[in-house]
């Protein structure tokens, strides 16, 4: 199970809207959570199928985005 994250962004690869973010931080009961309440969240772009992941940096507290296509990391 997982929770949904109230977050949307433009895919850095194809520029489609991505709004289907999930997290396994927390209760994992399919509820909606805010990004600031979790350490990590992720989604797959429906358009180009790349993996988009956000992880909170321990020092700065800011999120770092990682994007991976089927062919490898960007």
N, C-alpha and C. Protein backbone atom coordinates (compact mmCIF):
# COMPACT_ATOMS: atom_id res chain seq x y z
N UNK A 1 0.84 -1.18 0.00
CA UNK A 1 0.00 0.00 0.00
C UNK A 1 0.89 1.25 0.00
N UNK A 2 0.25 2.37 -0.19
CA UNK A 2 0.94 3.66 -0.28
C UNK A 2 -0.06 4.77 0.02
N UNK A 3 0.43 6.00 0.07
CA UNK A 3 -0.42 7.18 0.17
C UNK A 3 -0.19 8.02 -1.07
N UNK A 4 -1.18 8.82 -1.42
CA UNK A 4 -1.06 9.77 -2.53
C UNK A 4 -0.47 11.07 -2.01
N UNK A 5 0.32 11.75 -2.84
CA UNK A 5 0.93 13.01 -2.45
C UNK A 5 0.32 14.13 -3.27
N UNK A 6 -0.14 15.18 -2.59
CA UNK A 6 -0.72 16.35 -3.26
C UNK A 6 0.39 17.17 -3.89
N UNK A 7 0.81 16.75 -5.07
CA UNK A 7 1.89 17.43 -5.76
C UNK A 7 1.73 17.21 -7.26
N UNK A 8 2.04 18.23 -8.02
CA UNK A 8 2.08 18.08 -9.47
C UNK A 8 3.23 18.91 -10.02
N UNK A 9 3.75 18.46 -11.13
CA UNK A 9 4.84 19.17 -11.79
C UNK A 9 4.81 18.85 -13.28
N UNK A 10 5.65 19.55 -14.00
CA UNK A 10 5.82 19.28 -15.42
C UNK A 10 6.93 18.24 -15.55
N UNK A 11 6.70 17.23 -16.36
CA UNK A 11 7.72 16.22 -16.59
C UNK A 11 8.94 16.89 -17.21
N UNK A 12 10.11 16.69 -16.63
CA UNK A 12 11.31 17.31 -17.19
C UNK A 12 11.72 16.71 -18.54
N UNK A 13 11.17 15.58 -18.89
CA UNK A 13 11.52 14.93 -20.15
C UNK A 13 10.60 15.34 -21.30
N UNK A 14 9.29 15.23 -21.10
CA UNK A 14 8.34 15.48 -22.20
C UNK A 14 7.43 16.68 -21.94
N UNK A 15 7.49 17.27 -20.75
CA UNK A 15 6.73 18.45 -20.36
C UNK A 15 5.24 18.21 -20.13
N UNK A 16 4.84 16.96 -20.01
CA UNK A 16 3.45 16.64 -19.67
C UNK A 16 3.23 16.91 -18.18
N UNK A 17 1.99 17.12 -17.79
CA UNK A 17 1.63 17.30 -16.38
C UNK A 17 1.69 15.94 -15.68
N UNK A 18 2.39 15.91 -14.54
CA UNK A 18 2.47 14.70 -13.73
C UNK A 18 1.85 15.01 -12.37
N UNK A 19 0.82 14.26 -12.00
CA UNK A 19 0.13 14.54 -10.73
C UNK A 19 -0.27 13.26 -10.00
N UNK A 20 0.34 12.15 -10.33
CA UNK A 20 -0.01 10.88 -9.71
C UNK A 20 1.06 10.40 -8.73
N UNK A 21 1.57 11.31 -7.91
CA UNK A 21 2.66 10.99 -6.99
C UNK A 21 2.18 10.14 -5.82
N UNK A 22 3.06 9.23 -5.40
CA UNK A 22 2.78 8.33 -4.28
C UNK A 22 3.97 8.33 -3.33
N UNK A 23 3.73 7.83 -2.11
CA UNK A 23 4.79 7.65 -1.13
C UNK A 23 4.50 6.42 -0.29
N UNK A 24 5.57 5.83 0.22
CA UNK A 24 5.42 4.74 1.18
C UNK A 24 5.83 5.19 2.57
N UNK A 25 6.09 6.49 2.72
CA UNK A 25 6.32 7.07 4.05
C UNK A 25 4.96 7.17 4.73
N UNK A 26 4.90 6.95 6.01
CA UNK A 26 3.64 7.16 6.73
C UNK A 26 2.79 5.91 6.83
N UNK A 27 1.46 6.13 6.91
CA UNK A 27 0.51 5.06 7.22
C UNK A 27 0.22 4.09 6.08
N UNK A 28 0.38 4.51 4.84
CA UNK A 28 0.12 3.67 3.66
C UNK A 28 -1.31 3.15 3.62
N UNK A 29 -2.25 4.08 3.71
CA UNK A 29 -3.67 3.70 3.71
C UNK A 29 -4.45 4.42 2.60
N UNK A 30 -3.77 4.78 1.52
CA UNK A 30 -4.37 5.43 0.35
C UNK A 30 -4.97 6.79 0.67
N UNK A 31 -4.44 7.46 1.66
CA UNK A 31 -4.92 8.81 1.97
C UNK A 31 -4.07 9.84 1.23
N UNK A 32 -4.53 11.08 1.20
CA UNK A 32 -3.78 12.18 0.56
C UNK A 32 -2.93 12.86 1.62
N UNK A 33 -1.65 13.06 1.29
CA UNK A 33 -0.73 13.73 2.21
C UNK A 33 -0.05 14.88 1.48
N UNK A 34 0.49 15.79 2.23
CA UNK A 34 1.22 16.93 1.66
C UNK A 34 2.69 16.55 1.50
N UNK A 35 3.36 17.11 0.50
CA UNK A 35 4.77 16.75 0.28
C UNK A 35 5.66 17.01 1.49
N UNK A 36 5.40 18.09 2.22
CA UNK A 36 6.24 18.42 3.37
C UNK A 36 6.11 17.42 4.52
N UNK A 37 5.13 16.52 4.43
CA UNK A 37 4.93 15.52 5.48
C UNK A 37 5.66 14.21 5.21
N UNK A 38 6.37 14.12 4.08
CA UNK A 38 7.07 12.89 3.73
C UNK A 38 8.51 13.19 3.32
N UNK A 39 9.34 12.17 3.34
CA UNK A 39 10.74 12.31 2.97
C UNK A 39 10.98 11.99 1.49
N UNK A 40 10.12 11.14 0.92
CA UNK A 40 10.31 10.70 -0.45
C UNK A 40 8.96 10.47 -1.12
N UNK A 41 8.85 10.86 -2.40
CA UNK A 41 7.66 10.54 -3.19
C UNK A 41 8.05 10.42 -4.66
N UNK A 42 7.19 9.76 -5.44
CA UNK A 42 7.58 9.38 -6.80
C UNK A 42 6.35 9.18 -7.67
N UNK A 43 6.59 9.18 -8.99
CA UNK A 43 5.54 8.92 -9.98
C UNK A 43 6.17 8.49 -11.28
N UNK A 44 5.36 7.89 -12.13
CA UNK A 44 5.76 7.59 -13.50
C UNK A 44 4.95 8.51 -14.41
N UNK A 45 5.63 9.19 -15.32
CA UNK A 45 4.94 10.07 -16.26
C UNK A 45 4.07 9.22 -17.18
N UNK A 46 2.79 9.55 -17.28
CA UNK A 46 1.88 8.80 -18.14
C UNK A 46 2.26 8.94 -19.62
N UNK A 47 2.85 10.06 -19.98
CA UNK A 47 3.18 10.35 -21.38
C UNK A 47 4.43 9.59 -21.86
N UNK A 48 5.56 9.80 -21.17
CA UNK A 48 6.83 9.23 -21.67
C UNK A 48 7.35 8.07 -20.81
N UNK A 49 6.65 7.78 -19.71
CA UNK A 49 6.97 6.65 -18.83
C UNK A 49 8.28 6.80 -18.05
N UNK A 50 8.81 8.02 -17.93
CA UNK A 50 10.01 8.18 -17.10
C UNK A 50 9.61 8.17 -15.62
N UNK A 51 10.55 7.79 -14.79
CA UNK A 51 10.37 7.72 -13.34
C UNK A 51 10.84 9.05 -12.75
N UNK A 52 9.99 9.70 -11.96
CA UNK A 52 10.33 10.96 -11.31
C UNK A 52 10.26 10.74 -9.81
N UNK A 53 11.35 11.04 -9.13
CA UNK A 53 11.42 10.80 -7.69
C UNK A 53 11.96 12.02 -6.98
N UNK A 54 11.37 12.34 -5.84
CA UNK A 54 11.83 13.43 -4.99
C UNK A 54 12.26 12.85 -3.65
N UNK A 55 13.49 13.21 -3.22
CA UNK A 55 14.01 12.81 -1.92
C UNK A 55 14.46 14.05 -1.17
N UNK A 56 14.08 14.14 0.10
CA UNK A 56 14.47 15.30 0.90
C UNK A 56 15.94 15.21 1.30
N UNK A 57 16.69 16.27 1.03
CA UNK A 57 18.09 16.36 1.43
C UNK A 57 18.16 16.53 2.94
N UNK A 58 18.97 15.73 3.60
CA UNK A 58 19.07 15.77 5.06
C UNK A 58 19.58 17.10 5.59
N UNK A 59 20.53 17.70 4.90
CA UNK A 59 21.14 18.95 5.38
C UNK A 59 20.26 20.17 5.11
N UNK A 60 19.81 20.32 3.88
CA UNK A 60 19.07 21.54 3.52
C UNK A 60 17.57 21.41 3.76
N UNK A 61 17.05 20.18 3.78
CA UNK A 61 15.61 19.99 3.92
C UNK A 61 14.86 20.16 2.60
N UNK A 62 15.57 20.51 1.55
CA UNK A 62 14.96 20.71 0.23
C UNK A 62 14.88 19.37 -0.50
N UNK A 63 13.93 19.28 -1.43
CA UNK A 63 13.80 18.07 -2.22
C UNK A 63 14.76 18.07 -3.40
N UNK A 64 15.32 16.91 -3.67
CA UNK A 64 16.18 16.71 -4.83
C UNK A 64 15.42 15.79 -5.79
N UNK A 65 15.27 16.24 -7.04
CA UNK A 65 14.55 15.45 -8.04
C UNK A 65 15.53 14.57 -8.81
N UNK A 66 15.14 13.32 -8.98
CA UNK A 66 15.87 12.38 -9.83
C UNK A 66 14.90 11.92 -10.92
N UNK A 67 15.38 11.89 -12.15
CA UNK A 67 14.55 11.45 -13.28
C UNK A 67 15.27 10.31 -13.98
N UNK A 68 14.55 9.25 -14.24
CA UNK A 68 15.13 8.11 -14.92
C UNK A 68 14.23 7.70 -16.07
N UNK A 69 14.80 7.63 -17.25
CA UNK A 69 14.05 7.14 -18.40
C UNK A 69 14.23 5.63 -18.48
N UNK A 70 13.57 5.02 -19.42
CA UNK A 70 13.75 3.58 -19.61
C UNK A 70 15.20 3.26 -19.97
N UNK A 71 15.90 4.25 -20.57
CA UNK A 71 17.28 4.03 -20.99
C UNK A 71 18.32 4.37 -19.94
N UNK A 72 17.94 4.97 -18.81
CA UNK A 72 18.91 5.32 -17.77
C UNK A 72 18.65 6.68 -17.17
N UNK A 73 19.53 7.12 -16.30
CA UNK A 73 19.37 8.36 -15.55
C UNK A 73 19.60 9.57 -16.43
N UNK A 74 18.94 10.70 -16.08
CA UNK A 74 19.17 11.99 -16.74
C UNK A 74 20.08 12.81 -15.88
